[in-house]
């Protein structure tokens, strides 16, 4: 049985885990103090926010489930909790 050899161009999944909180912080910064109407009226802010959310989703697909559960991406989770509170 042969195991798949990772491509030398693939990033270590731990690097993706480090990216996710950074992307989350950017989303929070882009939306802080904005109402839905003011956010929608600013196409550049809206595009930047949606881009970071897309990057979070793409990054999440590159993290093995076990790693994500172990780390719980706690720093990013705390950021989202502060934003919602």
C-alpha atoms as a PDB file:
ATOM      1  CA  UNK A   1       0.000   0.000   0.000  1.00  0.00           C
ATOM      2  CA  UNK A   2       1.505   3.353  -0.994  1.00  0.00           C
ATOM      3  CA  UNK A   3       0.894   6.576   0.835  1.00  0.00           C
ATOM      4  CA  UNK A   4       0.389   9.815  -1.006  1.00  0.00           C
ATOM      5  CA  UNK A   5       3.367  12.100  -0.855  1.00  0.00           C
ATOM      6  CA  UNK A   6       2.429  15.713  -0.223  1.00  0.00           C
ATOM      7  CA  UNK A   7       3.389  18.177  -2.901  1.00  0.00           C
ATOM      8  CA  UNK A   8       6.385  20.353  -2.012  1.00  0.00           C
ATOM      9  CA  UNK A   9       4.140  23.317  -2.784  1.00  0.00           C
ATOM     10  CA  UNK A  10       1.484  22.420  -0.211  1.00  0.00           C
ATOM     11  CA  UNK A  11       1.495  24.401   3.006  1.00  0.00           C
ATOM     12  CA  UNK A  12       1.484  22.664   6.345  1.00  0.00           C
ATOM     13  CA  UNK A  13      -2.089  22.629   7.663  1.00  0.00           C
ATOM     14  CA  UNK A  14      -0.915  24.343  10.861  1.00  0.00           C
ATOM     15  CA  UNK A  15      -0.128  27.446   8.821  1.00  0.00           C
ATOM     16  CA  UNK A  16      -3.757  27.546   7.685  1.00  0.00           C
ATOM     17  CA  UNK A  17      -4.823  27.381  11.328  1.00  0.00           C
ATOM     18  CA  UNK A  18      -2.682  30.434  11.971  1.00  0.00           C
ATOM     19  CA  UNK A  19      -4.272  32.295   9.040  1.00  0.00           C
ATOM     20  CA  UNK A  20      -7.865  31.857  10.145  1.00  0.00           C
ATOM     21  CA  UNK A  21      -7.760  34.091  13.249  1.00  0.00           C
ATOM     22  CA  UNK A  22      -5.997  36.779  11.229  1.00  0.00           C
ATOM     23  CA  UNK A  23      -8.757  36.693   8.614  1.00  0.00           C
ATOM     24  CA  UNK A  24     -11.369  36.796  11.385  1.00  0.00           C
ATOM     25  CA  UNK A  25      -9.748  39.830  12.974  1.00  0.00           C
ATOM     26  CA  UNK A  26      -9.800  41.592   9.592  1.00  0.00           C
ATOM     27  CA  UNK A  27     -13.530  40.911   9.195  1.00  0.00           C
ATOM     28  CA  UNK A  28     -14.150  42.340  12.646  1.00  0.00           C
ATOM     29  CA  UNK A  29     -12.063  45.424  11.870  1.00  0.00           C
ATOM     30  CA  UNK A  30     -13.821  45.970   8.532  1.00  0.00           C
ATOM     31  CA  UNK A  31     -17.280  45.774  10.092  1.00  0.00           C
ATOM     32  CA  UNK A  32     -16.664  47.450  13.458  1.00  0.00           C
ATOM     33  CA  UNK A  33     -18.955  50.452  13.909  1.00  0.00           C
ATOM     34  CA  UNK A  34     -20.828  49.754  10.689  1.00  0.00           C
ATOM     35  CA  UNK A  35     -24.544  49.350  10.298  1.00  0.00           C
ATOM     36  CA  UNK A  36     -25.760  46.980   7.630  1.00  0.00           C
ATOM     37  CA  UNK A  37     -26.775  49.973   5.504  1.00  0.00           C
ATOM     38  CA  UNK A  38     -23.411  51.746   5.855  1.00  0.00           C
ATOM     39  CA  UNK A  39     -21.532  48.519   5.161  1.00  0.00           C
ATOM     40  CA  UNK A  40     -23.598  47.857   2.031  1.00  0.00           C
ATOM     41  CA  UNK A  41     -23.085  51.451   0.874  1.00  0.00           C
ATOM     42  CA  UNK A  42     -19.301  50.980   0.900  1.00  0.00           C
ATOM     43  CA  UNK A  43     -18.503  48.526  -1.922  1.00  0.00           C
ATOM     44  CA  UNK A  44     -14.790  48.384  -1.125  1.00  0.00           C
ATOM     45  CA  UNK A  45     -15.427  47.524   2.540  1.00  0.00           C
ATOM     46  CA  UNK A  46     -18.058  44.990   1.544  1.00  0.00           C
ATOM     47  CA  UNK A  47     -15.741  43.325  -0.998  1.00  0.00           C
ATOM     48  CA  UNK A  48     -12.870  43.196   1.498  1.00  0.00           C
ATOM     49  CA  UNK A  49     -15.109  41.649   4.155  1.00  0.00           C
ATOM     50  CA  UNK A  50     -16.521  39.046   1.786  1.00  0.00           C
ATOM     51  CA  UNK A  51     -13.026  38.203   0.524  1.00  0.00           C
ATOM     52  CA  UNK A  52     -11.788  37.478   4.052  1.00  0.00           C
ATOM     53  CA  UNK A  53     -14.874  35.362   4.775  1.00  0.00           C
ATOM     54  CA  UNK A  54     -14.189  33.426   1.571  1.00  0.00           C
ATOM     55  CA  UNK A  55     -10.571  32.910   2.644  1.00  0.00           C
ATOM     56  CA  UNK A  56     -11.752  31.563   6.005  1.00  0.00           C
ATOM     57  CA  UNK A  57     -13.945  29.042   4.208  1.00  0.00           C
ATOM     58  CA  UNK A  58     -11.221  28.021   1.756  1.00  0.00           C
ATOM     59  CA  UNK A  59      -8.699  27.712   4.555  1.00  0.00           C
ATOM     60  CA  UNK A  60     -11.060  25.561   6.609  1.00  0.00           C
ATOM     61  CA  UNK A  61     -11.240  23.024   3.776  1.00  0.00           C
ATOM     62  CA  UNK A  62      -7.456  22.547   3.964  1.00  0.00           C
ATOM     63  CA  UNK A  63      -7.361  21.666   7.669  1.00  0.00           C
ATOM     64  CA  UNK A  64      -7.788  18.037   8.670  1.00  0.00           C
ATOM     65  CA  UNK A  65     -10.756  17.570  11.004  1.00  0.00           C
ATOM     66  CA  UNK A  66      -8.663  16.214  13.878  1.00  0.00           C
ATOM     67  CA  UNK A  67      -6.355  19.235  13.864  1.00  0.00           C
ATOM     68  CA  UNK A  68      -9.226  21.668  13.816  1.00  0.00           C
ATOM     69  CA  UNK A  69     -10.870  19.911  16.761  1.00  0.00           C
ATOM     70  CA  UNK A  70      -7.637  19.837  18.770  1.00  0.00           C
ATOM     71  CA  UNK A  71      -6.852  23.485  18.297  1.00  0.00           C
ATOM     72  CA  UNK A  72     -10.453  24.744  18.215  1.00  0.00           C
ATOM     73  CA  UNK A  73      -9.053  27.820  16.563  1.00  0.00           C
ATOM     74  CA  UNK A  74      -9.512  29.403  19.955  1.00  0.00           C
ATOM     75  CA  UNK A  75      -8.016  32.770  19.172  1.00  0.00           C
ATOM     76  CA  UNK A  76     -10.402  33.280  16.267  1.00  0.00           C
ATOM     77  CA  UNK A  77     -13.354  31.995  18.271  1.00  0.00           C
ATOM     78  CA  UNK A  78     -12.654  34.493  21.024  1.00  0.00           C
ATOM     79  CA  UNK A  79     -12.547  37.280  18.427  1.00  0.00           C
ATOM     80  CA  UNK A  80     -15.936  36.306  17.058  1.00  0.00           C
ATOM     81  CA  UNK A  81     -17.353  36.098  20.582  1.00  0.00           C
ATOM     82  CA  UNK A  82     -16.134  39.642  21.327  1.00  0.00           C
ATOM     83  CA  UNK A  83     -17.640  40.909  18.083  1.00  0.00           C
ATOM     84  CA  UNK A  84     -21.025  39.351  18.799  1.00  0.00           C
ATOM     85  CA  UNK A  85     -21.163  40.484  22.439  1.00  0.00           C
END
